[in-house]
């Protein structure tokens, strides 16, 4: 139950879990390949989510503040 609540709080994948899977749980070439692809996929997901949910909106907010400041200064 607490594990489910923890997943709801953090929208990002834990990269340490994916790395541990690659290091310790994956067996053989196929297992290592799949675990490696999962690691890459989770990393790309985290990067994309951060970019579109946090970085771009923050950039837009700062740009809008600068535009408003420039308009009020004229």
Protein backbone atom coordinates (compact mmCIF):
# COMPACT_ATOMS: atom_id res chain seq x y z
CA UNK A 1 0.00 0.00 0.00
CA UNK A 2 2.72 2.48 0.92
CA UNK A 3 4.65 1.49 -2.23
CA UNK A 4 1.62 2.47 -4.33
CA UNK A 5 1.36 5.86 -2.60
CA UNK A 6 5.08 6.41 -3.13
CA UNK A 7 4.67 5.83 -6.88
CA UNK A 8 1.83 8.34 -7.00
CA UNK A 9 3.95 11.03 -5.31
CA UNK A 10 7.00 10.74 -7.56
CA UNK A 11 6.15 10.88 -11.28
CA UNK A 12 9.69 9.89 -12.27
CA UNK A 13 11.21 6.43 -12.53
CA UNK A 14 13.92 5.58 -10.03
CA UNK A 15 17.03 5.14 -12.10
CA UNK A 16 18.78 3.31 -9.28
CA UNK A 17 16.17 0.54 -9.49
CA UNK A 18 16.73 0.16 -13.22
CA UNK A 19 20.50 0.15 -12.74
CA UNK A 20 20.23 -2.47 -10.01
CA UNK A 21 18.14 -4.60 -12.35
CA UNK A 22 20.84 -4.34 -14.98
CA UNK A 23 23.64 -5.12 -12.54
CA UNK A 24 22.14 -7.85 -10.40
CA UNK A 25 18.88 -9.24 -11.78
CA UNK A 26 19.60 -9.57 -15.49
CA UNK A 27 21.13 -12.88 -16.54
CA UNK A 28 22.60 -13.60 -19.95
CA UNK A 29 22.95 -11.45 -23.02
CA UNK A 30 19.23 -11.15 -23.64
CA UNK A 31 18.47 -10.23 -20.04
CA UNK A 32 21.24 -7.64 -19.96
CA UNK A 33 20.06 -6.18 -23.27
CA UNK A 34 16.47 -5.87 -22.10
CA UNK A 35 17.52 -4.38 -18.76
CA UNK A 36 19.82 -1.92 -20.57
CA UNK A 37 17.03 -0.86 -22.90
CA UNK A 38 14.73 -0.39 -19.91
CA UNK A 39 17.37 1.82 -18.30
CA UNK A 40 17.69 3.94 -21.44
CA UNK A 41 13.92 4.14 -21.88
CA UNK A 42 13.31 5.18 -18.29
CA UNK A 43 16.04 7.80 -18.58
CA UNK A 44 14.49 9.21 -21.74
CA UNK A 45 11.06 9.22 -20.11
CA UNK A 46 12.39 11.11 -17.08
CA UNK A 47 14.19 13.62 -19.29
CA UNK A 48 11.13 14.18 -21.48
CA UNK A 49 8.79 14.51 -18.53
CA UNK A 50 11.09 17.02 -16.83
CA UNK A 51 11.46 19.02 -20.04
CA UNK A 52 7.76 19.29 -20.85
CA UNK A 53 6.31 19.44 -17.33
CA UNK A 54 8.86 21.62 -15.56
CA UNK A 55 11.52 23.23 -17.74
CA UNK A 56 9.42 24.60 -20.61
CA UNK A 57 6.67 26.04 -18.38
CA UNK A 58 9.30 27.71 -16.18
CA UNK A 59 11.03 29.10 -19.26
CA UNK A 60 7.70 30.46 -20.52
CA UNK A 61 6.93 32.06 -17.14
CA UNK A 62 10.29 33.81 -17.04
CA UNK A 63 9.98 34.95 -20.65
CA UNK A 64 6.49 36.33 -19.96
CA UNK A 65 7.83 38.25 -16.95
CA UNK A 66 10.58 39.74 -19.13
CA UNK A 67 8.03 40.70 -21.80
CA UNK A 68 5.78 42.31 -19.20
CA UNK A 69 8.75 44.16 -17.73
CA UNK A 70 9.81 45.42 -21.18
CA UNK A 71 6.25 46.58 -21.98
CA UNK A 72 5.87 48.43 -18.69
CA UNK A 73 9.27 50.09 -19.13
CA UNK A 74 8.26 51.79 -22.38
